[in-house]
Amino acid sequence: MYLNLEVITIIIRPFTYDSDAHIVSGRKSTITIENLSPQLSDEERIEQRRCIEEGLFEIFIKYTDQQESNGYLGAAAV
């Protein structure tokens, strides 16, 4: 009897980030705000965008289905 095994390989590479820093003056002090954005290849950026879009679509469908099942018509009922 042979076992049917599946092997998944995950390659982890260190991320590098682009830094965008701003200094904001307040009443009593100044605050440095730093925005870090990962440096991604074009393929990684496309994959990241696709995953975000799929997640948002699933949320949209979830709430659309709830509104239809509750008979809620929103602004159209006004």
N, C-alpha and C. Protein backbone atom coordinates (compact mmCIF):
# COMPACT_ATOMS: atom_id res chain seq x y z
N MET A 1 0.85 -1.17 0.00
CA MET A 1 0.00 0.00 0.00
C MET A 1 0.90 1.24 0.00
N TYR A 2 0.62 2.16 -0.91
CA TYR A 2 1.39 3.39 -1.01
C TYR A 2 0.62 4.54 -0.38
N LEU A 3 1.35 5.36 0.35
CA LEU A 3 0.74 6.55 0.93
C LEU A 3 0.77 7.67 -0.09
N ASN A 4 -0.31 8.38 -0.20
CA ASN A 4 -0.39 9.50 -1.12
C ASN A 4 -0.09 10.77 -0.34
N LEU A 5 1.16 11.22 -0.39
CA LEU A 5 1.59 12.38 0.38
C LEU A 5 1.72 13.60 -0.50
N GLU A 6 1.36 14.72 0.05
CA GLU A 6 1.50 15.99 -0.65
C GLU A 6 2.49 16.84 0.12
N VAL A 7 3.45 17.41 -0.59
CA VAL A 7 4.47 18.23 0.04
C VAL A 7 4.26 19.67 -0.40
N ILE A 8 4.21 20.56 0.57
CA ILE A 8 4.06 21.98 0.30
C ILE A 8 5.33 22.68 0.77
N THR A 9 5.95 23.43 -0.12
CA THR A 9 7.16 24.15 0.22
C THR A 9 6.84 25.64 0.28
N ILE A 10 7.21 26.25 1.37
CA ILE A 10 7.00 27.68 1.54
C ILE A 10 8.37 28.34 1.60
N ILE A 11 8.58 29.28 0.69
CA ILE A 11 9.84 30.00 0.66
C ILE A 11 9.61 31.35 1.34
N ILE A 12 10.38 31.58 2.37
CA ILE A 12 10.25 32.83 3.12
C ILE A 12 11.48 33.68 2.83
N ARG A 13 11.22 34.89 2.39
CA ARG A 13 12.33 35.81 2.14
C ARG A 13 12.12 37.04 3.00
N PRO A 14 13.19 37.66 3.39
CA PRO A 14 13.03 38.87 4.21
C PRO A 14 12.42 40.00 3.38
N PHE A 15 11.49 40.71 3.97
CA PHE A 15 10.86 41.83 3.30
C PHE A 15 11.71 43.08 3.51
N THR A 16 11.75 43.89 2.51
CA THR A 16 12.33 45.22 2.65
C THR A 16 11.18 46.21 2.45
N TYR A 17 11.31 47.34 3.07
CA TYR A 17 10.22 48.31 3.08
C TYR A 17 10.68 49.67 2.58
N ASP A 18 9.77 50.38 1.93
CA ASP A 18 9.97 51.78 1.59
C ASP A 18 9.42 52.59 2.76
N SER A 19 10.18 53.56 3.20
CA SER A 19 9.77 54.39 4.33
C SER A 19 9.37 55.77 3.85
N ASP A 20 8.24 56.24 4.37
CA ASP A 20 7.76 57.58 4.07
C ASP A 20 7.46 58.23 5.42
N ALA A 21 8.32 59.15 5.85
CA ALA A 21 8.17 59.75 7.18
C ALA A 21 7.70 61.20 7.07
N HIS A 22 6.84 61.58 8.02
CA HIS A 22 6.33 62.95 8.11
C HIS A 22 6.49 63.40 9.56
N ILE A 23 6.79 64.65 9.74
CA ILE A 23 6.87 65.22 11.09
C ILE A 23 5.68 66.16 11.26
N VAL A 24 4.91 65.90 12.32
CA VAL A 24 3.71 66.68 12.60
C VAL A 24 3.94 67.44 13.90
N SER A 25 3.73 68.74 13.87
CA SER A 25 3.90 69.56 15.06
C SER A 25 2.58 69.65 15.80
N GLY A 26 2.64 69.38 17.09
CA GLY A 26 1.47 69.50 17.94
C GLY A 26 1.61 70.70 18.85
N ARG A 27 0.74 70.78 19.84
CA ARG A 27 0.79 71.91 20.78
C ARG A 27 2.06 71.89 21.62
N LYS A 28 2.39 70.70 22.14
CA LYS A 28 3.51 70.61 23.07
C LYS A 28 4.71 69.85 22.51
N SER A 29 4.51 69.11 21.43
CA SER A 29 5.61 68.30 20.92
C SER A 29 5.44 68.04 19.43
N THR A 30 6.44 67.42 18.88
CA THR A 30 6.37 67.00 17.48
C THR A 30 6.33 65.48 17.44
N ILE A 31 5.61 64.96 16.46
CA ILE A 31 5.46 63.51 16.32
C ILE A 31 5.95 63.13 14.93
N THR A 32 6.75 62.08 14.86
CA THR A 32 7.18 61.56 13.58
C THR A 32 6.28 60.39 13.20
N ILE A 33 5.65 60.49 12.05
CA ILE A 33 4.78 59.43 11.55
C ILE A 33 5.50 58.77 10.39
N GLU A 34 5.69 57.46 10.50
CA GLU A 34 6.41 56.73 9.48
C GLU A 34 5.51 55.67 8.86
N ASN A 35 5.34 55.72 7.56
CA ASN A 35 4.54 54.75 6.83
C ASN A 35 5.50 53.80 6.13
N LEU A 36 5.40 52.51 6.43
CA LEU A 36 6.24 51.50 5.80
C LEU A 36 5.43 50.71 4.80
N SER A 37 5.91 50.64 3.57
CA SER A 37 5.25 49.88 2.51
C SER A 37 6.20 48.79 2.03
N PRO A 38 5.74 47.54 1.98
CA PRO A 38 6.65 46.47 1.53
C PRO A 38 7.02 46.64 0.06
N GLN A 39 8.26 46.32 -0.25
CA GLN A 39 8.70 46.34 -1.64
C GLN A 39 8.36 44.98 -2.23
N LEU A 40 7.41 44.96 -3.15
CA LEU A 40 6.93 43.72 -3.75
C LEU A 40 7.23 43.72 -5.24
N SER A 41 7.42 42.51 -5.78
CA SER A 41 7.55 42.40 -7.23
C SER A 41 6.17 42.63 -7.85
N ASP A 42 6.13 42.82 -9.15
CA ASP A 42 4.85 43.03 -9.82
C ASP A 42 3.91 41.85 -9.61
N GLU A 43 4.45 40.62 -9.66
CA GLU A 43 3.63 39.43 -9.46
C GLU A 43 3.07 39.38 -8.04
N GLU A 44 3.90 39.71 -7.05
CA GLU A 44 3.45 39.71 -5.66
C GLU A 44 2.38 40.79 -5.44
N ARG A 45 2.56 41.93 -6.04
CA ARG A 45 1.58 43.02 -5.90
C ARG A 45 0.24 42.62 -6.52
N ILE A 46 0.28 41.97 -7.69
CA ILE A 46 -0.95 41.51 -8.34
C ILE A 46 -1.64 40.46 -7.48
N GLU A 47 -0.87 39.52 -6.92
CA GLU A 47 -1.44 38.48 -6.06
C GLU A 47 -2.05 39.09 -4.80
N GLN A 48 -1.36 40.06 -4.20
CA GLN A 48 -1.87 40.72 -3.00
C GLN A 48 -3.19 41.43 -3.31
N ARG A 49 -3.24 42.13 -4.43
CA ARG A 49 -4.46 42.84 -4.82
C ARG A 49 -5.61 41.85 -5.07
N ARG A 50 -5.31 40.72 -5.73
CA ARG A 50 -6.33 39.71 -6.01
C ARG A 50 -6.90 39.15 -4.70
N CYS A 51 -6.03 38.88 -3.73
CA CYS A 51 -6.50 38.35 -2.44
C CYS A 51 -7.39 39.37 -1.72
N ILE A 52 -7.01 40.63 -1.75
CA ILE A 52 -7.82 41.67 -1.11
C ILE A 52 -9.18 41.78 -1.80
N GLU A 53 -9.17 41.78 -3.14
CA GLU A 53 -10.43 41.88 -3.88
C GLU A 53 -11.35 40.70 -3.59
N GLU A 54 -10.78 39.48 -3.50
CA GLU A 54 -11.59 38.30 -3.19
C GLU A 54 -12.21 38.42 -1.80
N GLY A 55 -11.41 38.89 -0.83
CA GLY A 55 -11.92 39.05 0.52
C GLY A 55 -13.04 40.08 0.59
N LEU A 56 -12.86 41.20 -0.10
CA LEU A 56 -13.90 42.23 -0.12
C LEU A 56 -15.16 41.73 -0.82
N PHE A 57 -15.00 40.95 -1.89
CA PHE A 57 -16.14 40.41 -2.60
C PHE A 57 -16.93 39.47 -1.70
N GLU A 58 -16.22 38.62 -0.93
CA GLU A 58 -16.90 37.69 -0.01
C GLU A 58 -17.70 38.46 1.04
N ILE A 59 -17.14 39.55 1.55
CA ILE A 59 -17.85 40.37 2.53
C ILE A 59 -19.07 41.02 1.88
N PHE A 60 -18.89 41.56 0.68
CA PHE A 60 -19.99 42.21 -0.04
C PHE A 60 -21.14 41.23 -0.26
N ILE A 61 -20.83 40.02 -0.73
CA ILE A 61 -21.85 39.01 -0.98
C ILE A 61 -22.55 38.63 0.32
N LYS A 62 -21.79 38.51 1.40
CA LYS A 62 -22.36 38.14 2.70
C LYS A 62 -23.43 39.15 3.12
N TYR A 63 -23.11 40.44 3.04
CA TYR A 63 -24.05 41.45 3.48
C TYR A 63 -25.17 41.67 2.48
N THR A 64 -24.92 41.46 1.20
CA THR A 64 -25.97 41.56 0.20
C THR A 64 -27.00 40.46 0.43
N ASP A 65 -26.53 39.23 0.71
CA ASP A 65 -27.44 38.13 0.98
C ASP A 65 -28.27 38.39 2.24
N GLN A 66 -27.66 38.97 3.28
CA GLN A 66 -28.40 39.27 4.51
C GLN A 66 -29.48 40.30 4.26
N GLN A 67 -29.17 41.33 3.50
CA GLN A 67 -30.15 42.38 3.23
C GLN A 67 -31.32 41.84 2.41
N GLU A 68 -31.04 40.97 1.44
CA GLU A 68 -32.11 40.40 0.63
C GLU A 68 -32.99 39.47 1.46
N SER A 69 -32.39 38.71 2.38
CA SER A 69 -33.18 37.78 3.18
C SER A 69 -34.02 38.52 4.23
N ASN A 70 -33.58 39.71 4.64
CA ASN A 70 -34.35 40.50 5.61
C ASN A 70 -35.38 41.39 4.94
N GLY A 71 -35.41 41.42 3.63
CA GLY A 71 -36.36 42.26 2.92
C GLY A 71 -36.00 43.72 2.97
N TYR A 72 -34.77 44.03 3.29
CA TYR A 72 -34.32 45.41 3.41
C TYR A 72 -34.00 45.96 2.02
N LEU A 73 -34.60 47.09 1.67
CA LEU A 73 -34.38 47.68 0.36
C LEU A 73 -33.57 48.96 0.43
N GLY A 74 -33.20 49.40 1.62
CA GLY A 74 -32.36 50.58 1.75
C GLY A 74 -33.05 51.84 1.26
N ALA A 75 -32.33 52.64 0.52
CA ALA A 75 -32.84 53.93 0.05
C ALA A 75 -33.99 53.76 -0.94
N ALA A 76 -34.09 52.62 -1.60
CA ALA A 76 -35.16 52.41 -2.57
C ALA A 76 -36.53 52.37 -1.89
N ALA A 77 -36.58 52.06 -0.59
CA ALA A 77 -37.85 51.97 0.13
C ALA A 77 -38.35 53.33 0.59
N VAL A 78 -37.51 54.35 0.51
CA VAL A 78 -37.88 55.68 1.01
C VAL A 78 -38.79 56.37 0.05
